[in-house]
Amino acid sequence: MDEEPWIVPPGAKDIDGSDRFIGTDATVADFWKFALSDLRMNNARGYLAEFLVAKALGLQSVHRIE
C-alpha cells in the first residue's frame, strides 16, 4: 500500500496588523491587543522572551512554530 505524503502547509507571511478578518471590522492588531495585552500571563511572557531572544540574535523574520 502506497503511503500518502505528508501535507506541508505554506510558510507564514509577515503581517503588520492592519489585515482585517472577513465579515467583521476587526483587524489582526485588534486580536493581538485582546489576546496578548497582559504580559503577566505565562504564555505571553514566553512569547515575549522568544521575541527578545530572536531580536538579540539579529533574526529578521521570526515565525513561531507551535
PDB file of N, CA and C in Angstrom:
ATOM      1  N   MET A   1       0.838  -1.167   0.000  1.00  0.00           N
ATOM      2  CA  MET A   1       0.000   0.000   0.000  1.00  0.00           C
ATOM      3  C   MET A   1       0.890   1.238   0.000  1.00  0.00           C
ATOM      4  N   ASP A   2       0.625   2.144  -0.930  1.00  0.00           N
ATOM      5  CA  ASP A   2       1.399   3.385  -1.004  1.00  0.00           C
ATOM      6  C   ASP A   2       0.945   4.340   0.096  1.00  0.00           C
ATOM      7  N   GLU A   3       1.913   4.936   0.751  1.00  0.00           N
ATOM      8  CA  GLU A   3       1.583   5.913   1.788  1.00  0.00           C
ATOM      9  C   GLU A   3       1.442   7.285   1.157  1.00  0.00           C
ATOM     10  N   GLU A   4       0.453   8.029   1.629  1.00  0.00           N
ATOM     11  CA  GLU A   4       0.252   9.399   1.172  1.00  0.00           C
ATOM     12  C   GLU A   4       1.357  10.273   1.755  1.00  0.00           C
ATOM     13  N   PRO A   5       1.879  11.223   0.977  1.00  0.00           N
ATOM     14  CA  PRO A   5       2.888  12.136   1.528  1.00  0.00           C
ATOM     15  C   PRO A   5       2.253  13.067   2.553  1.00  0.00           C
ATOM     16  N   TRP A   6       3.053  13.524   3.498  1.00  0.00           N
ATOM     17  CA  TRP A   6       2.569  14.472   4.497  1.00  0.00           C
ATOM     18  C   TRP A   6       2.172  15.764   3.812  1.00  0.00           C
ATOM     19  N   ILE A   7       1.118  16.348   4.291  1.00  0.00           N
ATOM     20  CA  ILE A   7       0.695  17.648   3.777  1.00  0.00           C
ATOM     21  C   ILE A   7       1.523  18.714   4.486  1.00  0.00           C
ATOM     22  N   VAL A   8       2.191  19.534   3.699  1.00  0.00           N
ATOM     23  CA  VAL A   8       3.029  20.596   4.258  1.00  0.00           C
ATOM     24  C   VAL A   8       2.349  21.935   3.979  1.00  0.00           C
ATOM     25  N   PRO A   9       1.956  22.657   5.040  1.00  0.00           N
ATOM     26  CA  PRO A   9       1.296  23.937   4.806  1.00  0.00           C
ATOM     27  C   PRO A   9       2.278  24.966   4.260  1.00  0.00           C
ATOM     28  N   PRO A  10       1.770  25.969   3.570  1.00  0.00           N
ATOM     29  CA  PRO A  10       2.670  27.014   3.067  1.00  0.00           C
ATOM     30  C   PRO A  10       3.263  27.797   4.231  1.00  0.00           C
ATOM     31  N   GLY A  11       4.400  28.426   3.994  1.00  0.00           N
ATOM     32  CA  GLY A  11       5.044  29.221   5.025  1.00  0.00           C
ATOM     33  C   GLY A  11       4.198  30.423   5.416  1.00  0.00           C
ATOM     34  N   ALA A  12       4.415  30.900   6.623  1.00  0.00           N
ATOM     35  CA  ALA A  12       3.671  32.063   7.105  1.00  0.00           C
ATOM     36  C   ALA A  12       4.213  33.330   6.458  1.00  0.00           C
ATOM     37  N   LYS A  13       3.330  34.272   6.203  1.00  0.00           N
ATOM     38  CA  LYS A  13       3.766  35.548   5.655  1.00  0.00           C
ATOM     39  C   LYS A  13       3.753  36.587   6.774  1.00  0.00           C
ATOM     40  N   ASP A  14       4.619  37.568   6.676  1.00  0.00           N
ATOM     41  CA  ASP A  14       4.644  38.642   7.652  1.00  0.00           C
ATOM     42  C   ASP A  14       3.387  39.498   7.489  1.00  0.00           C
ATOM     43  N   ILE A  15       2.813  39.901   8.616  1.00  0.00           N
ATOM     44  CA  ILE A  15       1.668  40.803   8.594  1.00  0.00           C
ATOM     45  C   ILE A  15       1.958  41.965   9.527  1.00  0.00           C
ATOM     46  N   ASP A  16       1.299  43.081   9.282  1.00  0.00           N
ATOM     47  CA  ASP A  16       1.568  44.266  10.097  1.00  0.00           C
ATOM     48  C   ASP A  16       0.437  44.597  11.063  1.00  0.00           C
ATOM     49  N   GLY A  17      -0.596  43.803  11.076  1.00  0.00           N
ATOM     50  CA  GLY A  17      -1.707  44.029  11.994  1.00  0.00           C
ATOM     51  C   GLY A  17      -2.890  44.740  11.370  1.00  0.00           C
ATOM     52  N   SER A  18      -2.726  45.278  10.174  1.00  0.00           N
ATOM     53  CA  SER A  18      -3.824  46.009   9.546  1.00  0.00           C
ATOM     54  C   SER A  18      -4.770  45.092   8.775  1.00  0.00           C
ATOM     55  N   ASP A  19      -4.386  43.827   8.579  1.00  0.00           N
ATOM     56  CA  ASP A  19      -5.263  42.880   7.881  1.00  0.00           C
ATOM     57  C   ASP A  19      -6.566  42.731   8.661  1.00  0.00           C
ATOM     58  N   ARG A  20      -7.680  42.649   7.927  1.00  0.00           N
ATOM     59  CA  ARG A  20      -8.996  42.540   8.553  1.00  0.00           C
ATOM     60  C   ARG A  20      -9.520  41.110   8.453  1.00  0.00           C
ATOM     61  N   PHE A  21     -10.305  40.721   9.457  1.00  0.00           N
ATOM     62  CA  PHE A  21     -10.983  39.439   9.427  1.00  0.00           C
ATOM     63  C   PHE A  21     -12.235  39.599   8.565  1.00  0.00           C
ATOM     64  N   ILE A  22     -12.428  38.674   7.648  1.00  0.00           N
ATOM     65  CA  ILE A  22     -13.554  38.746   6.727  1.00  0.00           C
ATOM     66  C   ILE A  22     -14.863  38.722   7.513  1.00  0.00           C
ATOM     67  N   GLY A  23     -15.756  39.627   7.160  1.00  0.00           N
ATOM     68  CA  GLY A  23     -17.073  39.675   7.781  1.00  0.00           C
ATOM     69  C   GLY A  23     -17.129  40.481   9.065  1.00  0.00           C
ATOM     70  N   THR A  24     -16.026  41.107   9.458  1.00  0.00           N
ATOM     71  CA  THR A  24     -16.002  41.926  10.672  1.00  0.00           C
ATOM     72  C   THR A  24     -15.251  43.217  10.392  1.00  0.00           C
ATOM     73  N   ASP A  25     -15.296  44.122  11.355  1.00  0.00           N
ATOM     74  CA  ASP A  25     -14.478  45.316  11.248  1.00  0.00           C
ATOM     75  C   ASP A  25     -13.218  45.172  12.100  1.00  0.00           C
ATOM     76  N   ALA A  26     -12.940  43.955  12.566  1.00  0.00           N
ATOM     77  CA  ALA A  26     -11.789  43.682  13.433  1.00  0.00           C
ATOM     78  C   ALA A  26     -10.523  43.445  12.610  1.00  0.00           C
ATOM     79  N   THR A  27      -9.408  43.943  13.133  1.00  0.00           N
ATOM     80  CA  THR A  27      -8.112  43.737  12.488  1.00  0.00           C
ATOM     81  C   THR A  27      -7.289  42.739  13.300  1.00  0.00           C
ATOM     82  N   VAL A  28      -6.201  42.306  12.697  1.00  0.00           N
ATOM     83  CA  VAL A  28      -5.271  41.427  13.403  1.00  0.00           C
ATOM     84  C   VAL A  28      -4.714  42.141  14.638  1.00  0.00           C
ATOM     85  N   ALA A  29      -4.439  43.436  14.522  1.00  0.00           N
ATOM     86  CA  ALA A  29      -3.939  44.203  15.669  1.00  0.00           C
ATOM     87  C   ALA A  29      -4.968  44.204  16.802  1.00  0.00           C
ATOM     88  N   ASP A  30      -6.255  44.270  16.465  1.00  0.00           N
ATOM     89  CA  ASP A  30      -7.300  44.194  17.488  1.00  0.00           C
ATOM     90  C   ASP A  30      -7.213  42.868  18.238  1.00  0.00           C
ATOM     91  N   PHE A  31      -7.005  41.785  17.491  1.00  0.00           N
ATOM     92  CA  PHE A  31      -6.871  40.475  18.130  1.00  0.00           C
ATOM     93  C   PHE A  31      -5.637  40.428  19.020  1.00  0.00           C
ATOM     94  N   TRP A  32      -4.513  40.940  18.532  1.00  0.00           N
ATOM     95  CA  TRP A  32      -3.286  40.940  19.329  1.00  0.00           C
ATOM     96  C   TRP A  32      -3.502  41.683  20.645  1.00  0.00           C
ATOM     97  N   LYS A  33      -4.171  42.823  20.571  1.00  0.00           N
ATOM     98  CA  LYS A  33      -4.454  43.590  21.790  1.00  0.00           C
ATOM     99  C   LYS A  33      -5.332  42.798  22.746  1.00  0.00           C
ATOM    100  N   PHE A  34      -6.305  42.093  22.196  1.00  0.00           N
ATOM    101  CA  PHE A  34      -7.218  41.286  23.011  1.00  0.00           C
ATOM    102  C   PHE A  34      -6.503  40.106  23.653  1.00  0.00           C
ATOM    103  N   ALA A  35      -5.717  39.385  22.876  1.00  0.00           N
ATOM    104  CA  ALA A  35      -5.152  38.114  23.329  1.00  0.00           C
ATOM    105  C   ALA A  35      -3.838  38.251  24.094  1.00  0.00           C
ATOM    106  N   LEU A  36      -3.044  39.271  23.784  1.00  0.00           N
ATOM    107  CA  LEU A  36      -1.696  39.347  24.353  1.00  0.00           C
ATOM    108  C   LEU A  36      -1.395  40.666  25.059  1.00  0.00           C
ATOM    109  N   SER A  37      -2.421  41.375  25.472  1.00  0.00           N
ATOM    110  CA  SER A  37      -2.177  42.685  26.068  1.00  0.00           C
ATOM    111  C   SER A  37      -1.643  42.604  27.496  1.00  0.00           C
ATOM    112  N   ASP A  38      -1.806  41.480  28.169  1.00  0.00           N
ATOM    113  CA  ASP A  38      -1.335  41.341  29.547  1.00  0.00           C
ATOM    114  C   ASP A  38      -0.064  40.494  29.566  1.00  0.00           C
ATOM    115  N   LEU A  39       1.096  41.147  29.650  1.00  0.00           N
ATOM    116  CA  LEU A  39       2.372  40.420  29.613  1.00  0.00           C
ATOM    117  C   LEU A  39       2.654  39.657  30.907  1.00  0.00           C
ATOM    118  N   ARG A  40       1.739  39.717  31.863  1.00  0.00           N
ATOM    119  CA  ARG A  40       1.898  38.934  33.087  1.00  0.00           C
ATOM    120  C   ARG A  40       1.417  37.495  32.913  1.00  0.00           C
ATOM    121  N   MET A  41       0.684  37.226  31.820  1.00  0.00           N
ATOM    122  CA  MET A  41       0.213  35.857  31.571  1.00  0.00           C
ATOM    123  C   MET A  41       1.406  34.986  31.193  1.00  0.00           C
ATOM    124  N   ASN A  42       1.420  33.748  31.654  1.00  0.00           N
ATOM    125  CA  ASN A  42       2.560  32.856  31.412  1.00  0.00           C
ATOM    126  C   ASN A  42       2.886  32.706  29.931  1.00  0.00           C
ATOM    127  N   ASN A  43       1.878  32.437  29.096  1.00  0.00           N
ATOM    128  CA  ASN A  43       2.175  32.226  27.676  1.00  0.00           C
ATOM    129  C   ASN A  43       2.658  33.512  27.017  1.00  0.00           C
ATOM    130  N   ALA A  44       2.087  34.667  27.381  1.00  0.00           N
ATOM    131  CA  ALA A  44       2.532  35.933  26.788  1.00  0.00           C
ATOM    132  C   ALA A  44       3.977  36.236  27.175  1.00  0.00           C
ATOM    133  N   ARG A  45       4.363  35.943  28.408  1.00  0.00           N
ATOM    134  CA  ARG A  45       5.760  36.156  28.828  1.00  0.00           C
ATOM    135  C   ARG A  45       6.699  35.270  28.036  1.00  0.00           C
ATOM    136  N   GLY A  46       6.289  34.036  27.764  1.00  0.00           N
ATOM    137  CA  GLY A  46       7.115  33.139  26.960  1.00  0.00           C
ATOM    138  C   GLY A  46       7.289  33.653  25.543  1.00  0.00           C
ATOM    139  N   TYR A  47       6.199  34.133  24.942  1.00  0.00           N
ATOM    140  CA  TYR A  47       6.273  34.687  23.589  1.00  0.00           C
ATOM    141  C   TYR A  47       7.188  35.906  23.564  1.00  0.00           C
ATOM    142  N   LEU A  48       7.055  36.753  24.587  1.00  0.00           N
ATOM    143  CA  LEU A  48       7.901  37.943  24.659  1.00  0.00           C
ATOM    144  C   LEU A  48       9.372  37.552  24.792  1.00  0.00           C
ATOM    145  N   ALA A  49       9.666  36.564  25.631  1.00  0.00           N
ATOM    146  CA  ALA A  49      11.052  36.116  25.806  1.00  0.00           C
ATOM    147  C   ALA A  49      11.614  35.579  24.493  1.00  0.00           C
ATOM    148  N   GLU A  50      10.836  34.775  23.777  1.00  0.00           N
ATOM    149  CA  GLU A  50      11.293  34.246  22.492  1.00  0.00           C
ATOM    150  C   GLU A  50      11.547  35.382  21.500  1.00  0.00           C
ATOM    151  N   PHE A  51      10.673  36.370  21.486  1.00  0.00           N
ATOM    152  CA  PHE A  51      10.824  37.511  20.596  1.00  0.00           C
ATOM    153  C   PHE A  51      12.097  38.286  20.917  1.00  0.00           C
ATOM    154  N   LEU A  52      12.334  38.550  22.191  1.00  0.00           N
ATOM    155  CA  LEU A  52      13.519  39.320  22.585  1.00  0.00           C
ATOM    156  C   LEU A  52      14.806  38.568  22.273  1.00  0.00           C
ATOM    157  N   VAL A  53      14.813  37.264  22.458  1.00  0.00           N
ATOM    158  CA  VAL A  53      15.997  36.466  22.111  1.00  0.00           C
ATOM    159  C   VAL A  53      16.233  36.501  20.606  1.00  0.00           C
ATOM    160  N   ALA A  54      15.175  36.359  19.818  1.00  0.00           N
ATOM    161  CA  ALA A  54      15.315  36.411  18.358  1.00  0.00           C
ATOM    162  C   ALA A  54      15.879  37.760  17.931  1.00  0.00           C
ATOM    163  N   LYS A  55      15.389  38.844  18.523  1.00  0.00           N
ATOM    164  CA  LYS A  55      15.901  40.173  18.199  1.00  0.00           C
ATOM    165  C   LYS A  55      17.365  40.308  18.612  1.00  0.00           C
ATOM    166  N   ALA A  56      17.721  39.768  19.785  1.00  0.00           N
ATOM    167  CA  ALA A  56      19.106  39.843  20.253  1.00  0.00           C
ATOM    168  C   ALA A  56      20.046  39.074  19.334  1.00  0.00           C
ATOM    169  N   LEU A  57      19.532  38.007  18.709  1.00  0.00           N
ATOM    170  CA  LEU A  57      20.337  37.213  17.779  1.00  0.00           C
ATOM    171  C   LEU A  57      20.353  37.804  16.377  1.00  0.00           C
ATOM    172  N   GLY A  58      19.593  38.869  16.172  1.00  0.00           N
ATOM    173  CA  GLY A  58      19.575  39.534  14.873  1.00  0.00           C
ATOM    174  C   GLY A  58      18.719  38.838  13.832  1.00  0.00           C
ATOM    175  N   LEU A  59      17.788  37.997  14.252  1.00  0.00           N
ATOM    176  CA  LEU A  59      16.909  37.327  13.296  1.00  0.00           C
ATOM    177  C   LEU A  59      15.903  38.329  12.752  1.00  0.00           C
ATOM    178  N   GLN A  60      15.737  38.374  11.460  1.00  0.00           N
ATOM    179  CA  GLN A  60      14.880  39.380  10.825  1.00  0.00           C
ATOM    180  C   GLN A  60      13.420  38.978  10.802  1.00  0.00           C
ATOM    181  N   SER A  61      13.126  37.815  10.282  1.00  0.00           N
ATOM    182  CA  SER A  61      11.752  37.360  10.158  1.00  0.00           C
ATOM    183  C   SER A  61      11.567  36.138  11.036  1.00  0.00           C
ATOM    184  N   VAL A  62      10.798  36.305  12.079  1.00  0.00           N
ATOM    185  CA  VAL A  62      10.624  35.211  13.039  1.00  0.00           C
ATOM    186  C   VAL A  62       9.181  34.737  13.005  1.00  0.00           C
ATOM    187  N   HIS A  63       8.990  33.454  12.781  1.00  0.00           N
ATOM    188  CA  HIS A  63       7.660  32.844  12.817  1.00  0.00           C
ATOM    189  C   HIS A  63       7.713  31.720  13.821  1.00  0.00           C
ATOM    190  N   ARG A  64       6.871  31.797  14.806  1.00  0.00           N
ATOM    191  CA  ARG A  64       6.817  30.763  15.837  1.00  0.00           C
ATOM    192  C   ARG A  64       6.247  29.477  15.255  1.00  0.00           C
ATOM    193  N   ILE A  65       6.729  28.374  15.745  1.00  0.00           N
ATOM    194  CA  ILE A  65       6.191  27.059  15.373  1.00  0.00           C
ATOM    195  C   ILE A  65       5.680  26.424  16.641  1.00  0.00           C
ATOM    196  N   GLU A  66       4.399  26.147  16.678  1.00  0.00           N
ATOM    197  CA  GLU A  66       3.801  25.521  17.859  1.00  0.00           C
ATOM    198  C   GLU A  66       4.161  24.068  17.917  1.00  0.00           C
TER     199      GLU A  66
END
